[in-house]
Amino acid sequence: QCLARLPETIGGVMKKVLLGIVGGGFVIIAGLVAFVSMQPSQTTIERDILIAAEPGDLWPYLADQVLVDEWSPWNEKDPDLEQTFSDPSTGVGAFYTWSGNEDVGSGRAEVASIDEGVSVSTALEFLTPYPGTAVSTASVAATEGGSTVTWTMVMDNDFMSKAAGLFMDMDAMLGPEFEKGLALLEPLGVAAAAARVEAERVEADRIAQEAAEAEAAAEGDAAEE
């Protein structure tokens, strides 16, 4: 009888084992889902640079979407990048769209808020290769030796982004791109500062020349009298 019931006994044991494995699998999966869900809902990346220029020299390169594109670190990743800019390209609501290869993807950037002369915040919508949203803020502040430009991006993390964050360091991936972009901005700011200084010198010379001419004319009139 024991031998006759052996298959039934083995079958029962196997059933319990399988149920235990399946149950354990569900527990592990549930644990992983809970762990991923507990990850930060946002990721922040920030870099800054000191540039030998005044905030006013740099402001156009932060506020005008066309000029912002001049120091974009991603343009070189796709020579055939397709871009469109709103007209006007400054002010709240000004936008920029891009569509390129898998390195740059496609998306839209729209100016969300401006603190005139201080900072510009832009809402980003990434369409491909990975949908997502973020807010990018560029700010400038006078400091010893020039101005400090700070570039910050805060990305919203959905479940998939949270999971990816367990295996990828977004700061390590995107931080160098921010540094590259700020390095491209530096010579633009320095050139703008040099142009301003030269314009101020020319204007000062003009005023001095006019003053000298007026004084000479006044002396001439006095001598005639």
C-alpha atoms as a PDB file:
ATOM      1  CA  GLN A   1       0.000   0.000   0.000  1.00  0.00           C
ATOM      2  CA  CYS A   2       2.863   2.366   0.789  1.00  0.00           C
ATOM      3  CA  LEU A   3       4.360   1.744  -2.633  1.00  0.00           C
ATOM      4  CA  ALA A   4       0.969   2.161  -4.238  1.00  0.00           C
ATOM      5  CA  ARG A   5       0.596   5.579  -2.641  1.00  0.00           C
ATOM      6  CA  LEU A   6       4.164   6.677  -3.468  1.00  0.00           C
ATOM      7  CA  PRO A   7       3.281   8.521  -6.708  1.00  0.00           C
ATOM      8  CA  GLU A   8       0.516  10.365  -4.858  1.00  0.00           C
ATOM      9  CA  THR A   9       2.916  11.289  -2.076  1.00  0.00           C
ATOM     10  CA  ILE A  10       5.605  12.480  -4.495  1.00  0.00           C
ATOM     11  CA  GLY A  11       3.003  14.432  -6.437  1.00  0.00           C
ATOM     12  CA  GLY A  12       1.854  16.168  -3.265  1.00  0.00           C
ATOM     13  CA  VAL A  13       5.392  17.062  -2.286  1.00  0.00           C
ATOM     14  CA  MET A  14       6.159  18.373  -5.773  1.00  0.00           C
ATOM     15  CA  LYS A  15       2.984  20.428  -5.724  1.00  0.00           C
ATOM     16  CA  LYS A  16       3.971  21.988  -2.411  1.00  0.00           C
ATOM     17  CA  VAL A  17       7.473  22.691  -3.718  1.00  0.00           C
ATOM     18  CA  LEU A  18       6.126  24.324  -6.863  1.00  0.00           C
ATOM     19  CA  LEU A  19       3.639  26.371  -4.888  1.00  0.00           C
ATOM     20  CA  GLY A  20       6.468  27.418  -2.573  1.00  0.00           C
ATOM     21  CA  ILE A  21       8.631  28.471  -5.509  1.00  0.00           C
ATOM     22  CA  VAL A  22       5.795  30.405  -7.129  1.00  0.00           C
ATOM     23  CA  GLY A  23       4.893  31.997  -3.816  1.00  0.00           C
ATOM     24  CA  GLY A  24       8.512  32.879  -3.149  1.00  0.00           C
ATOM     25  CA  GLY A  25       8.762  34.369  -6.633  1.00  0.00           C
ATOM     26  CA  PHE A  26       5.766  36.576  -5.999  1.00  0.00           C
ATOM     27  CA  VAL A  27       7.267  37.705  -2.707  1.00  0.00           C
ATOM     28  CA  ILE A  28      10.563  38.573  -4.406  1.00  0.00           C
ATOM     29  CA  ILE A  29       8.814  40.423  -7.216  1.00  0.00           C
ATOM     30  CA  ALA A  30       6.609  42.305  -4.773  1.00  0.00           C
ATOM     31  CA  GLY A  31       9.693  43.206  -2.765  1.00  0.00           C
ATOM     32  CA  LEU A  32      11.500  44.460  -5.857  1.00  0.00           C
ATOM     33  CA  VAL A  33       8.495  46.519  -6.938  1.00  0.00           C
ATOM     34  CA  ALA A  34       8.252  48.049  -3.478  1.00  0.00           C
ATOM     35  CA  PHE A  35      11.996  48.749  -3.421  1.00  0.00           C
ATOM     36  CA  VAL A  36      11.916  50.419  -6.836  1.00  0.00           C
ATOM     37  CA  SER A  37       8.848  52.462  -5.877  1.00  0.00           C
ATOM     38  CA  MET A  38      10.701  53.800  -2.840  1.00  0.00           C
ATOM     39  CA  GLN A  39      13.461  55.334  -4.996  1.00  0.00           C
ATOM     40  CA  PRO A  40      13.562  59.162  -5.361  1.00  0.00           C
ATOM     41  CA  SER A  41      10.804  60.625  -7.527  1.00  0.00           C
ATOM     42  CA  GLN A  42      13.252  63.130  -8.997  1.00  0.00           C
ATOM     43  CA  THR A  43      16.876  63.208 -10.088  1.00  0.00           C
ATOM     44  CA  THR A  44      18.863  66.448  -9.940  1.00  0.00           C
ATOM     45  CA  ILE A  45      21.960  67.194 -12.007  1.00  0.00           C
ATOM     46  CA  GLU A  46      23.851  70.447 -11.485  1.00  0.00           C
ATOM     47  CA  ARG A  47      27.074  71.988 -12.693  1.00  0.00           C
ATOM     48  CA  ASP A  48      28.487  75.532 -12.623  1.00  0.00           C
ATOM     49  CA  ILE A  49      31.314  77.577 -14.075  1.00  0.00           C
ATOM     50  CA  LEU A  50      33.025  80.890 -13.360  1.00  0.00           C
ATOM     51  CA  ILE A  51      33.226  83.097 -16.458  1.00  0.00           C
ATOM     52  CA  ALA A  52      35.172  86.370 -16.749  1.00  0.00           C
ATOM     53  CA  ALA A  53      32.148  88.414 -17.794  1.00  0.00           C
ATOM     54  CA  GLU A  54      29.338  90.391 -16.233  1.00  0.00           C
ATOM     55  CA  PRO A  55      25.871  88.825 -15.804  1.00  0.00           C
ATOM     56  CA  GLY A  56      24.528  91.165 -18.489  1.00  0.00           C
ATOM     57  CA  ASP A  57      27.065  89.818 -20.979  1.00  0.00           C
ATOM     58  CA  LEU A  58      25.869  86.264 -20.373  1.00  0.00           C
ATOM     59  CA  TRP A  59      22.140  86.847 -19.976  1.00  0.00           C
ATOM     60  CA  PRO A  60      21.250  86.724 -23.710  1.00  0.00           C
ATOM     61  CA  TYR A  61      22.860  83.287 -23.932  1.00  0.00           C
ATOM     62  CA  LEU A  62      20.565  82.043 -21.178  1.00  0.00           C
ATOM     63  CA  ALA A  63      17.353  83.798 -22.209  1.00  0.00           C
ATOM     64  CA  ASP A  64      17.277  83.461 -26.009  1.00  0.00           C
ATOM     65  CA  GLN A  65      16.544  79.942 -27.242  1.00  0.00           C
ATOM     66  CA  VAL A  66      18.518  80.530 -30.445  1.00  0.00           C
ATOM     67  CA  LEU A  67      21.584  81.644 -28.487  1.00  0.00           C
ATOM     68  CA  VAL A  68      21.166  78.831 -25.954  1.00  0.00           C
ATOM     69  CA  ASP A  69      21.543  76.447 -28.876  1.00  0.00           C
ATOM     70  CA  GLU A  70      25.011  77.887 -29.562  1.00  0.00           C
ATOM     71  CA  TRP A  71      26.376  76.187 -26.437  1.00  0.00           C
ATOM     72  CA  SER A  72      24.316  73.013 -26.517  1.00  0.00           C
ATOM     73  CA  PRO A  73      26.630  70.036 -25.896  1.00  0.00           C
ATOM     74  CA  TRP A  74      24.361  67.713 -27.876  1.00  0.00           C
ATOM     75  CA  ASN A  75      24.476  69.397 -31.284  1.00  0.00           C
ATOM     76  CA  GLU A  76      27.763  67.749 -32.188  1.00  0.00           C
ATOM     77  CA  LYS A  77      26.246  64.321 -31.571  1.00  0.00           C
ATOM     78  CA  ASP A  78      24.056  64.662 -34.667  1.00  0.00           C
ATOM     79  CA  PRO A  79      25.211  66.849 -37.595  1.00  0.00           C
ATOM     80  CA  ASP A  80      21.785  66.347 -39.219  1.00  0.00           C
ATOM     81  CA  LEU A  81      19.800  67.427 -36.158  1.00  0.00           C
ATOM     82  CA  GLU A  82      16.476  69.031 -37.151  1.00  0.00           C
ATOM     83  CA  GLN A  83      15.484  72.077 -35.076  1.00  0.00           C
ATOM     84  CA  THR A  84      12.724  74.659 -34.932  1.00  0.00           C
ATOM     85  CA  PHE A  85      12.584  77.851 -32.861  1.00  0.00           C
ATOM     86  CA  SER A  86       9.632  80.002 -31.940  1.00  0.00           C
ATOM     87  CA  ASP A  87       9.455  83.627 -33.082  1.00  0.00           C
ATOM     88  CA  PRO A  88      10.167  85.438 -30.843  1.00  0.00           C
ATOM     89  CA  SER A  89      12.737  83.112 -29.308  1.00  0.00           C
ATOM     90  CA  THR A  90      12.734  84.867 -25.929  1.00  0.00           C
ATOM     91  CA  GLY A  91      10.203  85.271 -23.145  1.00  0.00           C
ATOM     92  CA  VAL A  92       7.851  82.921 -21.347  1.00  0.00           C
ATOM     93  CA  GLY A  93       6.333  80.539 -23.881  1.00  0.00           C
ATOM     94  CA  ALA A  94       9.277  80.670 -26.288  1.00  0.00           C
ATOM     95  CA  PHE A  95      10.036  77.153 -27.433  1.00  0.00           C
ATOM     96  CA  TYR A  96      12.503  74.959 -29.236  1.00  0.00           C
ATOM     97  CA  THR A  97      11.966  71.511 -30.732  1.00  0.00           C
ATOM     98  CA  TRP A  98      14.507  68.969 -31.866  1.00  0.00           C
ATOM     99  CA  SER A  99      14.555  65.663 -33.684  1.00  0.00           C
ATOM    100  CA  GLY A 100      17.697  63.661 -34.256  1.00  0.00           C
ATOM    101  CA  ASN A 101      19.411  60.328 -34.013  1.00  0.00           C
ATOM    102  CA  GLU A 102      19.283  57.949 -31.060  1.00  0.00           C
ATOM    103  CA  ASP A 103      21.965  59.936 -29.249  1.00  0.00           C
ATOM    104  CA  VAL A 104      19.826  63.100 -29.037  1.00  0.00           C
ATOM    105  CA  GLY A 105      16.313  61.750 -29.586  1.00  0.00           C
ATOM    106  CA  SER A 106      13.454  64.195 -30.025  1.00  0.00           C
ATOM    107  CA  GLY A 107      11.514  66.543 -27.810  1.00  0.00           C
ATOM    108  CA  ARG A 108      10.398  70.050 -26.976  1.00  0.00           C
ATOM    109  CA  ALA A 109      11.703  72.752 -24.625  1.00  0.00           C
ATOM    110  CA  GLU A 110       9.492  75.681 -23.579  1.00  0.00           C
ATOM    111  CA  VAL A 111      10.418  78.612 -21.334  1.00  0.00           C
ATOM    112  CA  ALA A 112       8.276  78.280 -18.219  1.00  0.00           C
ATOM    113  CA  SER A 113       9.487  81.173 -16.060  1.00  0.00           C
ATOM    114  CA  ILE A 114      12.000  84.009 -16.071  1.00  0.00           C
ATOM    115  CA  ASP A 115      13.620  85.985 -13.276  1.00  0.00           C
ATOM    116  CA  GLU A 116      14.932  88.789 -15.485  1.00  0.00           C
ATOM    117  CA  GLY A 117      18.689  88.950 -15.488  1.00  0.00           C
ATOM    118  CA  VAL A 118      18.957  86.093 -12.992  1.00  0.00           C
ATOM    119  CA  SER A 119      17.501  82.788 -14.189  1.00  0.00           C
ATOM    120  CA  VAL A 120      15.460  81.036 -16.870  1.00  0.00           C
ATOM    121  CA  SER A 121      13.536  77.803 -16.248  1.00  0.00           C
ATOM    122  CA  THR A 122      12.575  75.621 -19.196  1.00  0.00           C
ATOM    123  CA  ALA A 123      10.092  72.744 -19.236  1.00  0.00           C
ATOM    124  CA  LEU A 124      11.480  69.791 -21.177  1.00  0.00           C
ATOM    125  CA  GLU A 125       9.439  67.047 -22.785  1.00  0.00           C
ATOM    126  CA  PHE A 126      11.454  64.111 -24.108  1.00  0.00           C
ATOM    127  CA  LEU A 127       9.619  62.123 -26.759  1.00  0.00           C
ATOM    128  CA  THR A 128      12.228  59.629 -27.982  1.00  0.00           C
ATOM    129  CA  PRO A 129      14.064  57.407 -27.331  1.00  0.00           C
ATOM    130  CA  TYR A 130      12.687  57.487 -23.775  1.00  0.00           C
ATOM    131  CA  PRO A 131       9.615  59.584 -22.928  1.00  0.00           C
ATOM    132  CA  GLY A 132       9.982  61.790 -19.879  1.00  0.00           C
ATOM    133  CA  THR A 133       9.804  65.282 -18.444  1.00  0.00           C
ATOM    134  CA  ALA A 134      12.246  67.582 -16.675  1.00  0.00           C
ATOM    135  CA  VAL A 135      12.872  71.209 -15.774  1.00  0.00           C
ATOM    136  CA  SER A 136      16.125  72.837 -16.792  1.00  0.00           C
ATOM    137  CA  THR A 137      17.241  76.069 -15.101  1.00  0.00           C
ATOM    138  CA  ALA A 138      20.141  78.295 -16.115  1.00  0.00           C
ATOM    139  CA  SER A 139      21.083  81.064 -13.687  1.00  0.00           C
ATOM    140  CA  VAL A 140      23.794  83.696 -13.479  1.00  0.00           C
ATOM    141  CA  ALA A 141      25.153  85.641 -10.511  1.00  0.00           C
ATOM    142  CA  ALA A 142      27.937  88.169 -10.161  1.00  0.00           C
ATOM    143  CA  THR A 143      30.894  86.903  -8.183  1.00  0.00           C
ATOM    144  CA  GLU A 144      34.546  87.738  -7.661  1.00  0.00           C
ATOM    145  CA  GLY A 145      36.326  87.383 -10.972  1.00  0.00           C
ATOM    146  CA  GLY A 146      33.206  87.574 -13.102  1.00  0.00           C
ATOM    147  CA  SER A 147      29.961  85.624 -13.010  1.00  0.00           C
ATOM    148  CA  THR A 148      28.965  82.136 -11.975  1.00  0.00           C
ATOM    149  CA  VAL A 149      26.607  80.351 -14.345  1.00  0.00           C
ATOM    150  CA  THR A 150      24.757  77.394 -12.847  1.00  0.00           C
ATOM    151  CA  TRP A 151      22.966  74.807 -14.975  1.00  0.00           C
ATOM    152  CA  THR A 152      20.503  72.584 -13.136  1.00  0.00           C
ATOM    153  CA  MET A 153      18.136  69.911 -14.425  1.00  0.00           C
ATOM    154  CA  VAL A 154      15.514  68.181 -12.314  1.00  0.00           C
ATOM    155  CA  MET A 155      14.094  65.059 -13.974  1.00  0.00           C
ATOM    156  CA  ASP A 156      10.848  63.361 -12.987  1.00  0.00           C
ATOM    157  CA  ASN A 157      11.284  59.648 -12.339  1.00  0.00           C
ATOM    158  CA  ASP A 158       8.506  57.236 -13.277  1.00  0.00           C
ATOM    159  CA  PHE A 159       8.711  53.564 -12.283  1.00  0.00           C
ATOM    160  CA  MET A 160      10.938  52.629 -15.221  1.00  0.00           C
ATOM    161  CA  SER A 161      13.259  55.567 -14.545  1.00  0.00           C
ATOM    162  CA  LYS A 162      13.512  54.564 -10.912  1.00  0.00           C
ATOM    163  CA  ALA A 163      14.386  51.006 -11.933  1.00  0.00           C
ATOM    164  CA  ALA A 164      16.976  52.240 -14.432  1.00  0.00           C
ATOM    165  CA  GLY A 165      18.457  54.431 -11.732  1.00  0.00           C
ATOM    166  CA  LEU A 166      19.417  51.329  -9.762  1.00  0.00           C
ATOM    167  CA  PHE A 167      21.854  50.412 -12.509  1.00  0.00           C
ATOM    168  CA  MET A 168      22.788  53.778 -14.040  1.00  0.00           C
ATOM    169  CA  ASP A 169      24.295  56.860 -12.418  1.00  0.00           C
ATOM    170  CA  MET A 170      22.501  59.676 -14.221  1.00  0.00           C
ATOM    171  CA  ASP A 171      24.764  62.319 -12.704  1.00  0.00           C
ATOM    172  CA  ALA A 172      27.828  60.498 -14.009  1.00  0.00           C
ATOM    173  CA  MET A 173      26.191  60.095 -17.431  1.00  0.00           C
ATOM    174  CA  LEU A 174      24.829  63.619 -17.937  1.00  0.00           C
ATOM    175  CA  GLY A 175      27.108  65.672 -15.686  1.00  0.00           C
ATOM    176  CA  PRO A 176      29.990  65.659 -18.200  1.00  0.00           C
ATOM    177  CA  GLU A 177      27.586  66.899 -20.906  1.00  0.00           C
ATOM    178  CA  PHE A 178      26.614  69.816 -18.662  1.00  0.00           C
ATOM    179  CA  GLU A 179      30.288  70.582 -18.104  1.00  0.00           C
ATOM    180  CA  LYS A 180      30.907  70.486 -21.858  1.00  0.00           C
ATOM    181  CA  GLY A 181      28.021  72.859 -22.510  1.00  0.00           C
ATOM    182  CA  LEU A 182      29.225  75.360 -19.908  1.00  0.00           C
ATOM    183  CA  ALA A 183      32.729  75.153 -21.385  1.00  0.00           C
ATOM    184  CA  LEU A 184      31.227  76.084 -24.765  1.00  0.00           C
ATOM    185  CA  LEU A 185      29.400  79.006 -23.148  1.00  0.00           C
ATOM    186  CA  GLU A 186      32.560  80.473 -21.609  1.00  0.00           C
ATOM    187  CA  PRO A 187      34.209  81.862 -24.787  1.00  0.00           C
ATOM    188  CA  LEU A 188      30.853  83.280 -25.904  1.00  0.00           C
ATOM    189  CA  GLY A 189      30.536  85.171 -22.625  1.00  0.00           C
ATOM    190  CA  VAL A 190      34.138  86.360 -22.698  1.00  0.00           C
ATOM    191  CA  ALA A 191      33.693  87.628 -26.271  1.00  0.00           C
ATOM    192  CA  ALA A 192      30.486  89.433 -25.286  1.00  0.00           C
ATOM    193  CA  ALA A 193      32.303  91.057 -22.370  1.00  0.00           C
ATOM    194  CA  ALA A 194      35.134  92.192 -24.646  1.00  0.00           C
ATOM    195  CA  ALA A 195      32.652  93.656 -27.124  1.00  0.00           C
ATOM    196  CA  ARG A 196      30.901  95.548 -24.316  1.00  0.00           C
ATOM    197  CA  VAL A 197      34.184  96.956 -22.995  1.00  0.00           C
ATOM    198  CA  GLU A 198      35.163  98.085 -26.497  1.00  0.00           C
ATOM    199  CA  ALA A 199      31.766  99.720 -27.049  1.00  0.00           C
ATOM    200  CA  GLU A 200      32.090 101.516 -23.716  1.00  0.00           C
ATOM    201  CA  ARG A 201      35.568 102.744 -24.696  1.00  0.00           C
ATOM    202  CA  VAL A 202      34.322 104.032 -28.045  1.00  0.00           C
ATOM    203  CA  GLU A 203      31.422 105.811 -26.363  1.00  0.00           C
ATOM    204  CA  ALA A 204      33.721 107.339 -23.733  1.00  0.00           C
ATOM    205  CA  ASP A 205      36.050 108.578 -26.504  1.00  0.00           C
ATOM    206  CA  ARG A 206      33.089 110.081 -28.362  1.00  0.00           C
ATOM    207  CA  ILE A 207      31.859 111.905 -25.284  1.00  0.00           C
ATOM    208  CA  ALA A 208      35.366 113.143 -24.502  1.00  0.00           C
ATOM    209  CA  GLN A 209      35.810 114.335 -28.105  1.00  0.00           C
ATOM    210  CA  GLU A 210      32.490 116.173 -28.063  1.00  0.00           C
ATOM    211  CA  ALA A 211      33.390 117.766 -24.731  1.00  0.00           C
ATOM    212  CA  ALA A 212      36.776 118.853 -26.089  1.00  0.00           C
ATOM    213  CA  GLU A 213      35.185 120.312 -29.211  1.00  0.00           C
ATOM    214  CA  ALA A 214      32.588 122.158 -27.135  1.00  0.00           C
ATOM    215  CA  GLU A 215      35.304 123.575 -24.870  1.00  0.00           C
ATOM    216  CA  ALA A 216      37.376 124.663 -27.841  1.00  0.00           C
ATOM    217  CA  ALA A 217      34.369 126.341 -29.387  1.00  0.00           C
ATOM    218  CA  ALA A 218      33.605 128.128 -26.135  1.00  0.00           C
ATOM    219  CA  GLU A 219      37.195 129.378 -25.885  1.00  0.00           C
ATOM    220  CA  GLY A 220      37.026 130.594 -29.466  1.00  0.00           C
ATOM    221  CA  ASP A 221      33.832 132.520 -28.784  1.00  0.00           C
ATOM    222  CA  ALA A 222      35.397 134.069 -25.688  1.00  0.00           C
ATOM    223  CA  ALA A 223      38.487 135.133 -27.631  1.00  0.00           C
ATOM    224  CA  GLU A 224      36.369 136.818 -30.306  1.00  0.00           C
ATOM    225  CA  GLU A 225      34.586 138.809 -27.650  1.00  0.00           C
END
